[in-house]
Structures are given as structure tokens and as C-alpha cells.
C-alpha atoms as a PDB file:
ATOM      1  CA  MET A   1      62.178 -83.166 115.266  1.00  0.00           C
ATOM      2  CA  SER A   2      63.388 -85.327 112.420  1.00  0.00           C
ATOM      3  CA  ALA A   3      63.082 -82.778 109.604  1.00  0.00           C
ATOM      4  CA  PRO A   4      65.139 -79.964 111.257  1.00  0.00           C
ATOM      5  CA  THR A   5      67.653 -82.532 112.536  1.00  0.00           C
ATOM      6  CA  ASN A   6      68.263 -83.749 109.005  1.00  0.00           C
ATOM      7  CA  LEU A   7      68.610 -80.172 107.822  1.00  0.00           C
ATOM      8  CA  ALA A   8      71.243 -79.516 110.466  1.00  0.00           C
ATOM      9  CA  GLU A   9      73.177 -82.677 109.733  1.00  0.00           C
ATOM     10  CA  GLY A  10      73.020 -82.233 105.956  1.00  0.00           C
ATOM     11  CA  SER A  11      74.274 -78.662 106.161  1.00  0.00           C
ATOM     12  CA  LYS A  12      77.574 -79.917 107.578  1.00  0.00           C
ATOM     13  CA  ARG A  13      78.194 -82.489 104.872  1.00  0.00           C
ATOM     14  CA  MET A  14      81.072 -81.914 102.528  1.00  0.00           C
ATOM     15  CA  GLY A  15      79.398 -82.329  99.152  1.00  0.00           C
ATOM     16  CA  ARG A  16      76.297 -80.950  97.486  1.00  0.00           C
ATOM     17  CA  GLY A  17      75.059 -84.472  96.789  1.00  0.00           C
ATOM     18  CA  ASP A  18      75.151 -85.409 100.485  1.00  0.00           C
ATOM     19  CA  TYR A  19      73.396 -82.146 101.437  1.00  0.00           C
ATOM     20  CA  ALA A  20      70.718 -82.759  98.822  1.00  0.00           C
ATOM     21  CA  ARG A  21      70.188 -86.280 100.116  1.00  0.00           C
ATOM     22  CA  PHE A  22      69.638 -84.994 103.665  1.00  0.00           C
ATOM     23  CA  LEU A  23      67.258 -82.341 102.349  1.00  0.00           C
ATOM     24  CA  ASN A  24      65.293 -85.143 100.650  1.00  0.00           C
ATOM     25  CA  ILE A  25      65.227 -87.094 103.905  1.00  0.00           C
ATOM     26  CA  ALA A  26      63.894 -83.971 105.647  1.00  0.00           C
ATOM     27  CA  GLU A  27      61.150 -83.790 102.977  1.00  0.00           C
ATOM     28  CA  GLY A  28      60.211 -87.380 103.836  1.00  0.00           C
ATOM     29  CA  SER A  29      60.148 -86.573 107.540  1.00  0.00           C
ATOM     30  CA  LEU A  30      57.854 -83.660 106.857  1.00  0.00           C
ATOM     31  CA  ALA A  31      55.532 -85.926 104.907  1.00  0.00           C
ATOM     32  CA  GLU A  32      55.474 -88.253 107.951  1.00  0.00           C
ATOM     33  CA  THR A  33      54.577 -85.311 110.152  1.00  0.00           C
ATOM     34  CA  GLU A  34      51.740 -84.355 107.811  1.00  0.00           C
ATOM     35  CA  TYR A  35      50.413 -87.909 107.909  1.00  0.00           C
ATOM     36  CA  LEU A  36      50.537 -88.086 111.707  1.00  0.00           C
ATOM     37  CA  LEU A  37      48.705 -84.768 111.868  1.00  0.00           C
ATOM     38  CA  MET A  38      45.965 -86.177 109.609  1.00  0.00           C
ATOM     39  CA  VAL A  39      45.697 -89.325 111.758  1.00  0.00           C
ATOM     40  CA  GLY A  40      45.364 -87.203 114.911  1.00  0.00           C
ATOM     41  CA  ARG A  41      42.630 -85.213 113.243  1.00  0.00           C
ATOM     42  CA  ASP A  42      40.819 -88.295 111.966  1.00  0.00           C
ATOM     43  CA  LEU A  43      40.935 -89.984 115.363  1.00  0.00           C
ATOM     44  CA  GLY A  44      39.472 -86.878 116.986  1.00  0.00           C
ATOM     45  CA  TYR A  45      42.482 -85.951 119.107  1.00  0.00           C
ATOM     46  CA  PHE A  46      41.920 -82.306 118.185  1.00  0.00           C
ATOM     47  CA  ALA A  47      39.387 -80.198 116.347  1.00  0.00           C
ATOM     48  CA  VAL A  48      39.462 -80.025 112.567  1.00  0.00           C
ATOM     49  CA  LYS A  49      39.945 -76.231 112.875  1.00  0.00           C
ATOM     50  CA  SER A  50      43.200 -76.875 114.747  1.00  0.00           C
ATOM     51  CA  TYR A  51      44.474 -78.941 111.741  1.00  0.00           C
ATOM     52  CA  ILE A  52      44.278 -76.173 109.139  1.00  0.00           C
ATOM     53  CA  GLY A  53      47.096 -73.916 110.376  1.00  0.00           C
ATOM     54  CA  PRO A  54      49.724 -76.621 110.928  1.00  0.00           C
ATOM     55  CA  GLN A  55      48.767 -78.315 107.663  1.00  0.00           C
ATOM     56  CA  LYS A  56      49.338 -75.088 105.740  1.00  0.00           C
ATOM     57  CA  GLU A  57      52.688 -74.580 107.422  1.00  0.00           C
ATOM     58  CA  ILE A  58      53.726 -78.089 106.428  1.00  0.00           C
ATOM     59  CA  LYS A  59      52.769 -77.427 102.804  1.00  0.00           C
ATOM     60  CA  ASP A  60      54.682 -74.125 102.784  1.00  0.00           C
ATOM     61  CA  ILE A  61      57.794 -75.653 104.380  1.00  0.00           C
ATOM     62  CA  SER A  62      57.609 -78.587 102.004  1.00  0.00           C
ATOM     63  CA  LYS A  63      57.645 -76.247  99.014  1.00  0.00           C
ATOM     64  CA  MET A  64      60.644 -74.370 100.476  1.00  0.00           C
ATOM     65  CA  LEU A  65      62.549 -77.596 101.124  1.00  0.00           C
ATOM     66  CA  HIS A  66      61.862 -78.810  97.629  1.00  0.00           C
ATOM     67  CA  GLY A  67      63.127 -75.577  96.106  1.00  0.00           C
ATOM     68  CA  LEU A  68      66.247 -75.627  98.261  1.00  0.00           C
ATOM     69  CA  ARG A  69      66.959 -79.248  97.324  1.00  0.00           C
ATOM     70  CA  LYS A  70      66.580 -78.512  93.628  1.00  0.00           C
ATOM     71  CA  ALA A  71      68.931 -75.495  93.964  1.00  0.00           C
ATOM     72  CA  VAL A  72      71.526 -77.570  95.832  1.00  0.00           C
ATOM     73  CA  GLU A  73      71.289 -80.355  93.265  1.00  0.00           C
ATOM     74  CA  GLY A  74      71.990 -77.885  90.472  1.00  0.00           C
ATOM     75  CA  ASP A  75      72.432 -79.335  86.978  1.00  0.00           C
ATOM     76  CA  ARG A  76      73.132 -82.917  88.005  1.00  0.00           C
END
């Protein structure tokens, strides 16, 4: 919930710098989600096969967020 919440909040900020900061926070939240997914897998809460799809989605979303943040930052 944290990553999309930060995206929503950042999108309503007045300046590009603020928006970029919230995008970066969302990137951090996504990294936390990836870690928790790995812990769940390692502790055997779900099958390793169940990990692959969500982990790929996290990687894809992470790349998109990074690209968006870089575009919003511009030539700073």
C-alpha cells in the first residue's frame, strides 16, 4: 500500500522536486515489498513458484518508477 500511496501524494505536490522525492520514496517502499516477499518465500509461507510472478512484477514496476523519477527530475 505504501508505494501507490506515495505516488498519489507526490502527484499532487506543487513542484517537480517534491514529486521526484515521493517517487523515490515509492521506489524504497517497493524495495521493502520485494524484501518481505523474499522473507515469506524463505520462511516457507508459500511455494517458490508463487514467488516468481510477483517478483517479476516488482522488478518491472521498479524500472518504470525509476524511469518516471528520472524524467520528472529532468536536468537538475
